[in-house]
Amino acid sequence: MKNKKQLGFKVFSLLTVFALIIPVTHATAAPKKFKLCAGLGGIPGLVGLLGPTTDGIAKAGAKARGWDYYERNNKLDAATTMKNADLFIQQKCSAILFFAGPTDALAAKFAAAKIPVITYDLPRKGWYFLGIDNSQAGYEGGKALGNILKTQWNCQPDLVLNSHGYAVGIVDAMRSGGMSDGIKAVCPDIDPKKFKDFEGGGSIEVSSPAARDILAANPTAKKIAAVGLNDAGVVGVIQAARQLGSDYKVLGWGQDGNLITGDKVDPDLKGSVLYFLEGYSSYAFSLLDEIAAGKKPAMRDAATNPAVLVKPCPVTAAQAATLPLAEARAVAGAGKPKSNLYDMYCPKK
């Protein structure tokens, strides 16, 4: 009897050991959950909604896919941006949507952590570039203003002031340069000497005094056409002319759409090219879905060869008045994570 008990105990002990061993040898680690991170904070002159508020569209798209989501605001501050980069790395982000001026130091941090980055509007080597078709956006805006110049002034402005933001490099060259090209396509006989390019800094505060200097140096010029990198740079020109006297007439067309909607649109801003910047993230998911699936999309990191191209949407001031404000568009876009704001809101021709 004793031997039987000992044998039974040994069998029980062996089974217990096997029971402990088998789950361990056959267990598999749970797959890492994809974590989408967003670094907001804007770019001077291109702030839009991705500066002061959360990216609801990115958050909704991540939620719809069952991903984790983490967001920080760079607050247009270099030191804050670097701290946020460290937080993204600590969070073990699977991919980052980034909206701030890219630097060598940031690129080095993310490269060392092997985190893919999608950057908006400003290209950076090694980061997927998502942005507007800058040349086409500029050309369409310039052409739209050219048609107004043809109708109202018989293509005979006294000056064409082009407010640049040279700091953004090729983006400015394509966008602002496209504006001049668009005007010339409609009004080819405007004297090239009438085109005046200047640094507008992408802001009213910089472009307005710079434009005043040009107008003061050309006192007989009274019919002024104004174009540039963005709405703010163009409105700066309009305000400068108004400050110098009531005998000025200004026809302006902007870019980005930040100042063409709402109840405080300058009456001389005749139109703009909308990018729906607040909805850029909806385009990014075409790349993010591939990355989340374990694929590595081909690197396309130049403004001339972007990974994702956003369509420009030129609108007159009258058309813009019928559109919801950017805040409302962003909320609506978050409710439709598989759509984009261009399809939802760009007026059909």
Protein backbone atom coordinates (compact mmCIF):
# COMPACT_ATOMS: atom_id res chain seq x y z
CA MET A 1 0.00 0.00 0.00
CA LYS A 2 2.85 2.30 0.92
CA ASN A 3 4.49 1.70 -2.46
CA LYS A 4 1.26 2.50 -4.25
CA LYS A 5 0.95 5.77 -2.34
CA GLN A 6 4.54 6.67 -3.14
CA LEU A 7 3.97 5.83 -6.81
CA GLY A 8 0.80 7.92 -6.89
CA PHE A 9 2.60 10.84 -5.29
CA LYS A 10 5.40 10.61 -7.86
CA VAL A 11 2.92 10.54 -10.75
CA PHE A 12 1.06 13.53 -9.28
CA SER A 13 4.33 15.40 -8.84
CA LEU A 14 5.36 14.73 -12.44
CA LEU A 15 1.99 15.86 -13.77
CA THR A 16 2.22 19.01 -11.67
CA VAL A 17 5.66 19.77 -13.06
CA PHE A 18 4.48 19.20 -16.63
CA ALA A 19 1.43 21.38 -15.97
CA LEU A 20 3.74 24.19 -14.94
CA ILE A 21 6.14 23.67 -17.80
CA ILE A 22 3.70 23.35 -20.71
CA PRO A 23 2.06 26.81 -20.46
CA VAL A 24 5.47 28.45 -20.27
CA THR A 25 6.95 26.63 -23.24
CA HIS A 26 3.91 27.30 -25.45
CA ALA A 27 3.11 30.87 -24.34
CA THR A 28 3.64 33.70 -26.86
CA ALA A 29 4.16 37.37 -26.07
CA ALA A 30 1.17 39.59 -26.80
CA PRO A 31 1.76 41.74 -29.90
CA LYS A 32 2.68 45.32 -29.16
CA LYS A 33 -0.27 47.65 -29.58
CA PHE A 34 0.31 50.34 -32.20
CA LYS A 35 0.68 53.78 -30.63
CA LEU A 36 0.14 56.88 -32.73
CA CYS A 37 1.69 60.05 -31.35
CA ALA A 38 1.11 63.62 -32.50
CA GLY A 39 3.38 66.59 -31.93
CA LEU A 40 1.35 69.72 -32.52
CA GLY A 41 2.37 73.30 -31.94
CA GLY A 42 2.37 74.72 -35.41
CA ILE A 43 4.78 76.60 -37.58
CA PRO A 44 4.87 80.42 -37.49
CA GLY A 45 2.55 81.67 -40.21
CA LEU A 46 1.10 78.20 -40.70
CA VAL A 47 -0.40 77.63 -37.28
CA GLY A 48 -3.99 76.78 -38.10
CA LEU A 49 -5.83 74.55 -35.66
CA LEU A 50 -2.81 72.35 -35.15
CA GLY A 51 -1.35 75.02 -32.91
CA PRO A 52 -3.71 75.80 -30.05
CA THR A 53 -5.98 72.77 -30.00
CA THR A 54 -5.95 69.01 -30.01
CA ASP A 55 -5.88 66.98 -33.23
CA GLY A 56 -9.32 65.41 -32.97
CA ILE A 57 -9.10 63.86 -36.43
CA ALA A 58 -5.87 61.99 -35.64
CA LYS A 59 -7.30 60.87 -32.30
CA ALA A 60 -10.55 59.65 -33.89
CA GLY A 61 -8.69 57.79 -36.63
CA ALA A 62 -6.49 56.04 -34.06
CA LYS A 63 -9.50 55.09 -31.94
CA ALA A 64 -11.35 53.69 -34.96
CA ARG A 65 -8.35 51.41 -35.59
CA GLY A 66 -7.97 50.30 -32.00
CA TRP A 67 -4.63 52.10 -31.57
CA ASP A 68 -3.30 53.96 -28.56
CA TYR A 69 -2.94 57.72 -28.97
CA TYR A 70 -0.61 60.21 -27.28
CA GLU A 71 -0.36 63.93 -28.02
CA ARG A 72 1.82 66.86 -27.02
CA ASN A 73 1.80 70.52 -27.99
CA ASN A 74 5.14 72.06 -28.99
CA LYS A 75 3.76 75.56 -28.35
CA LEU A 76 5.93 77.09 -31.06
CA ASP A 77 8.84 76.76 -28.66
CA ALA A 78 12.11 75.00 -29.50
CA ALA A 79 12.85 73.85 -25.94
CA THR A 80 9.32 72.48 -25.48
CA THR A 81 9.57 70.69 -28.81
CA MET A 82 12.78 68.94 -27.73
CA LYS A 83 11.25 67.91 -24.39
CA ASN A 84 8.23 66.52 -26.21
CA ALA A 85 10.52 64.53 -28.50
CA ASP A 86 12.02 62.86 -25.43
CA LEU A 87 8.51 62.08 -24.16
CA PHE A 88 7.56 60.49 -27.50
CA ILE A 89 10.60 58.26 -27.26
CA GLN A 90 9.81 57.32 -23.65
CA GLN A 91 6.25 56.51 -24.71
CA LYS A 92 7.63 54.10 -27.32
CA CYS A 93 5.53 55.67 -30.07
CA SER A 94 5.06 53.49 -33.14
CA ALA A 95 4.82 56.55 -35.43
CA ILE A 96 4.67 60.30 -35.02
CA LEU A 97 2.68 63.00 -36.77
CA PHE A 98 4.78 66.13 -36.47
CA PHE A 99 3.79 69.74 -37.03
CA ALA A 100 6.68 72.03 -36.14
CA GLY A 101 9.88 73.23 -37.70
CA PRO A 102 12.10 70.12 -38.10
CA THR A 103 15.72 70.40 -36.95
CA ASP A 104 18.83 68.24 -37.11
CA ALA A 105 18.61 67.55 -33.36
CA LEU A 106 15.02 66.33 -33.61
CA ALA A 107 15.81 64.19 -36.62
CA ALA A 108 18.72 62.60 -34.78
CA LYS A 109 16.55 61.77 -31.75
CA PHE A 110 13.80 60.08 -33.73
CA ALA A 111 16.27 58.29 -36.01
CA ALA A 112 18.11 56.83 -33.03
CA ALA A 113 14.78 55.63 -31.60
CA LYS A 114 13.80 54.22 -35.03
CA ILE A 115 10.43 55.95 -34.95
CA PRO A 116 8.94 56.84 -38.37
CA VAL A 117 7.85 60.47 -38.61
CA ILE A 118 5.28 62.10 -40.89
CA THR A 119 5.86 65.82 -41.14
CA TYR A 120 3.42 68.47 -42.35
CA ASP A 121 4.25 71.20 -44.87
CA LEU A 122 7.99 71.48 -44.11
CA PRO A 123 10.11 68.68 -45.62
CA ARG A 124 12.85 66.95 -43.66
CA LYS A 125 15.22 64.29 -45.00
CA GLY A 126 14.22 60.89 -43.63
CA TRP A 127 10.71 61.98 -42.63
CA TYR A 128 7.64 61.20 -44.73
CA PHE A 129 6.44 64.49 -46.19
CA LEU A 130 2.73 65.28 -46.21
CA GLY A 131 1.66 68.58 -47.67
CA ILE A 132 -0.17 70.62 -50.21
CA ASP A 133 0.80 70.61 -53.87
CA ASN A 134 2.57 73.92 -53.31
CA SER A 135 3.26 74.80 -56.94
CA GLN A 136 -0.30 74.03 -57.98
CA ALA A 137 -1.74 75.85 -54.97
CA GLY A 138 0.26 78.96 -55.78
CA TYR A 139 -0.53 78.78 -59.47
CA GLU A 140 -4.27 78.40 -58.93
CA GLY A 141 -4.34 81.27 -56.45
CA GLY A 142 -2.36 83.54 -58.76
CA LYS A 143 -4.52 82.62 -61.72
CA ALA A 144 -7.67 83.38 -59.74
CA LEU A 145 -6.34 86.84 -58.85
CA GLY A 146 -5.15 87.31 -62.44
CA ASN A 147 -8.73 86.87 -63.64
CA ILE A 148 -9.86 89.58 -61.21
CA LEU A 149 -7.07 91.89 -62.38
CA LYS A 150 -8.14 91.30 -65.95
CA THR A 151 -11.78 92.07 -65.22
CA GLN A 152 -11.29 95.09 -62.96
CA TRP A 153 -8.02 96.63 -64.10
CA ASN A 154 -7.54 95.26 -67.61
CA CYS A 155 -4.38 93.49 -66.38
CA GLN A 156 -2.76 96.82 -65.50
CA PRO A 157 -1.85 96.91 -61.80
CA ASP A 158 0.77 99.45 -60.77
CA LEU A 159 2.55 96.93 -58.56
CA VAL A 160 2.31 93.24 -57.72
CA LEU A 161 3.57 92.69 -54.17
CA ASN A 162 4.51 89.11 -53.31
CA SER A 163 4.88 88.48 -49.57
CA HIS A 164 7.37 85.62 -49.07
CA GLY A 165 8.47 83.51 -46.13
CA TYR A 166 11.95 82.65 -47.27
CA ALA A 167 12.73 80.69 -44.09
CA VAL A 168 10.57 77.78 -45.26
CA GLY A 169 12.77 77.30 -48.31
CA ILE A 170 11.48 75.39 -51.29
CA VAL A 171 7.90 75.47 -49.98
CA ASP A 172 7.93 79.26 -50.27
CA ALA A 173 9.66 79.18 -53.64
CA MET A 174 7.01 76.85 -55.02
CA ARG A 175 3.99 78.44 -53.37
CA SER A 176 4.80 82.16 -53.64
CA GLY A 177 6.53 81.69 -56.98
CA GLY A 178 3.46 79.86 -58.22
CA MET A 179 1.34 82.89 -57.36
CA SER A 180 3.36 85.10 -59.67
CA ASP A 181 3.28 82.45 -62.39
CA GLY A 182 -0.50 82.20 -62.12
CA ILE A 183 -0.93 85.95 -62.53
CA LYS A 184 1.37 85.96 -65.56
CA ALA A 185 -0.63 83.12 -67.14
CA VAL A 186 -3.67 85.41 -67.27
CA CYS A 187 -1.90 88.75 -67.66
CA PRO A 188 1.33 87.99 -69.54
CA ASP A 189 2.05 91.61 -70.47
CA ILE A 190 2.52 93.00 -66.96
CA ASP A 191 5.95 94.63 -66.83
CA PRO A 192 8.29 92.31 -64.84
CA LYS A 193 9.58 95.39 -62.98
CA LYS A 194 6.16 95.77 -61.37
CA PHE A 195 6.60 92.48 -59.48
CA LYS A 196 8.11 93.20 -56.07
CA ASP A 197 9.15 90.26 -53.89
CA PHE A 198 9.83 90.85 -50.20
CA GLU A 199 10.14 89.06 -46.87
CA GLY A 200 6.74 89.00 -45.18
CA GLY A 201 7.57 86.45 -42.53
CA GLY A 202 4.20 84.78 -42.91
CA SER A 203 2.67 87.36 -40.56
CA ILE A 204 0.85 90.68 -40.67
CA GLU A 205 3.36 92.16 -38.21
CA VAL A 206 6.30 91.57 -40.58
CA SER A 207 4.65 91.99 -43.97
CA SER A 208 2.84 95.25 -43.22
CA PRO A 209 5.87 97.49 -42.47
CA ALA A 210 7.85 95.83 -45.28
CA ALA A 211 5.05 96.57 -47.74
CA ARG A 212 4.80 100.16 -46.51
CA ASP A 213 8.46 100.66 -47.36
CA ILE A 214 7.91 99.41 -50.91
CA LEU A 215 4.82 101.57 -51.41
CA ALA A 216 6.60 104.63 -50.02
CA ALA A 217 9.41 104.05 -52.52
CA ASN A 218 6.85 103.92 -55.36
CA PRO A 219 4.55 106.86 -54.59
CA THR A 220 2.77 106.86 -57.96
CA ALA A 221 1.69 103.22 -57.64
CA LYS A 222 -1.92 103.14 -56.43
CA LYS A 223 -3.39 99.94 -57.88
CA ILE A 224 -1.76 97.16 -55.90
CA ALA A 225 -2.10 93.41 -56.43
CA ALA A 226 -1.10 91.37 -53.36
CA VAL A 227 -0.18 87.69 -53.16
CA GLY A 228 2.10 85.61 -51.00
CA LEU A 229 2.91 82.58 -48.89
CA ASN A 230 -0.25 82.76 -46.79
CA ASP A 231 -3.26 84.88 -45.89
CA ALA A 232 -1.46 86.81 -43.16
CA GLY A 233 1.34 87.93 -45.47
CA VAL A 234 -1.21 89.23 -47.99
CA VAL A 235 -3.42 90.96 -45.42
CA GLY A 236 -0.27 92.74 -44.20
CA VAL A 237 0.09 94.29 -47.66
CA ILE A 238 -3.57 95.31 -47.70
CA GLN A 239 -3.30 96.96 -44.30
CA ALA A 240 -0.10 98.76 -45.26
CA ALA A 241 -1.78 100.38 -48.27
CA ARG A 242 -4.80 101.37 -46.19
CA GLN A 243 -2.54 102.99 -43.59
CA LEU A 244 -0.85 105.09 -46.26
CA GLY A 245 -4.03 106.59 -47.68
CA SER A 246 -7.51 106.08 -49.06
CA ASP A 247 -6.38 106.56 -52.66
CA TYR A 248 -4.91 103.05 -52.75
CA LYS A 249 -6.82 100.19 -54.30
CA VAL A 250 -5.71 96.68 -53.37
CA LEU A 251 -6.77 93.30 -54.70
CA GLY A 252 -5.36 90.42 -52.65
CA TRP A 253 -5.45 86.63 -52.85
CA GLY A 254 -4.00 84.51 -50.08
CA GLN A 255 -2.91 80.97 -49.28
CA ASP A 256 -3.89 78.61 -46.43
CA GLY A 257 -7.38 80.02 -45.79
CA ASN A 258 -6.73 81.02 -42.18
CA LEU A 259 -8.09 84.55 -42.65
CA ILE A 260 -10.73 84.01 -45.36
CA THR A 261 -13.48 82.54 -43.16
CA GLY A 262 -15.42 84.02 -40.27
CA ASP A 263 -16.89 87.48 -39.74
CA LYS A 264 -13.66 89.51 -39.82
CA VAL A 265 -12.41 88.86 -43.35
CA ASP A 266 -10.65 91.86 -44.89
CA PRO A 267 -12.84 93.13 -47.75
CA ASP A 268 -9.82 93.45 -50.03
CA LEU A 269 -8.84 89.80 -49.55
CA LYS A 270 -10.72 88.49 -52.57
CA GLY A 271 -9.96 84.83 -52.05
CA SER A 272 -7.54 82.23 -50.78
CA VAL A 273 -6.39 78.69 -51.39
CA LEU A 274 -7.71 76.42 -48.67
CA TYR A 275 -5.55 73.53 -47.50
CA PHE A 276 -7.83 72.36 -44.68
CA LEU A 277 -4.71 72.10 -42.55
CA GLU A 278 -6.83 71.09 -39.57
CA GLY A 279 -7.63 67.91 -41.50
CA TYR A 280 -4.14 66.92 -42.68
CA SER A 281 -4.10 63.93 -40.34
CA SER A 282 -6.87 62.22 -42.30
CA TYR A 283 -4.45 61.93 -45.22
CA ALA A 284 -1.68 60.54 -43.02
CA PHE A 285 -3.57 57.30 -42.35
CA SER A 286 -2.77 56.03 -45.84
CA LEU A 287 0.84 55.78 -44.61
CA LEU A 288 0.07 54.90 -41.01
CA ASP A 289 -2.01 51.87 -41.99
CA GLU A 290 0.95 50.48 -43.91
CA ILE A 291 3.34 51.11 -41.04
CA ALA A 292 0.95 49.51 -38.56
CA ALA A 293 0.72 46.44 -40.82
CA GLY A 294 4.49 45.99 -40.55
CA LYS A 295 5.26 47.40 -43.98
CA LYS A 296 7.80 50.10 -44.66
CA PRO A 297 6.50 52.60 -47.24
CA ALA A 298 9.10 53.92 -49.66
CA MET A 299 10.68 57.04 -48.22
CA ARG A 300 9.47 60.17 -49.99
CA ASP A 301 10.65 63.15 -48.03
CA ALA A 302 10.77 66.07 -50.46
CA ALA A 303 8.20 68.76 -51.21
CA THR A 304 8.79 67.96 -54.87
CA ASN A 305 8.09 64.25 -54.30
CA PRO A 306 5.81 63.97 -51.27
CA ALA A 307 4.62 60.76 -49.67
CA VAL A 308 1.11 62.20 -49.45
CA LEU A 309 -0.13 65.07 -51.60
CA VAL A 310 -3.02 67.26 -50.46
CA LYS A 311 -5.22 68.91 -53.07
CA PRO A 312 -5.42 72.73 -53.04
CA CYS A 313 -8.89 74.29 -52.91
CA PRO A 314 -9.03 77.86 -54.26
CA VAL A 315 -12.10 79.75 -53.05
CA THR A 316 -13.42 83.25 -53.48
CA ALA A 317 -14.35 85.25 -50.41
CA ALA A 318 -18.01 84.68 -51.28
CA GLN A 319 -17.52 80.90 -51.43
CA ALA A 320 -15.53 80.92 -48.18
CA ALA A 321 -18.40 82.72 -46.44
CA THR A 322 -20.59 79.64 -46.94
CA LEU A 323 -18.11 77.28 -45.25
CA PRO A 324 -18.04 76.33 -41.57
CA LEU A 325 -15.16 77.69 -39.54
CA ALA A 326 -12.06 75.53 -39.16
CA GLU A 327 -13.05 74.47 -35.63
CA ALA A 328 -16.39 73.12 -36.86
CA ARG A 329 -14.75 71.45 -39.86
CA ALA A 330 -12.31 69.68 -37.58
CA VAL A 331 -15.11 68.37 -35.37
CA ALA A 332 -17.01 67.14 -38.43
CA GLY A 333 -13.86 65.50 -39.78
CA ALA A 334 -13.30 63.68 -36.50
CA GLY A 335 -16.77 62.21 -36.92
CA LYS A 336 -15.79 60.81 -40.32
CA PRO A 337 -12.31 59.31 -39.81
CA LYS A 338 -12.34 57.65 -43.24
CA SER A 339 -13.02 60.88 -45.15
CA ASN A 340 -11.06 64.10 -45.66
CA LEU A 341 -12.02 67.76 -45.47
CA TYR A 342 -11.30 68.48 -49.12
CA ASP A 343 -13.99 66.04 -50.20
CA MET A 344 -16.31 67.28 -47.48
CA TYR A 345 -15.96 71.04 -47.96
CA CYS A 346 -14.17 72.18 -51.12
CA PRO A 347 -16.81 73.91 -53.28
CA LYS A 348 -17.55 71.97 -56.42
CA LYS A 349 -16.85 73.87 -59.61
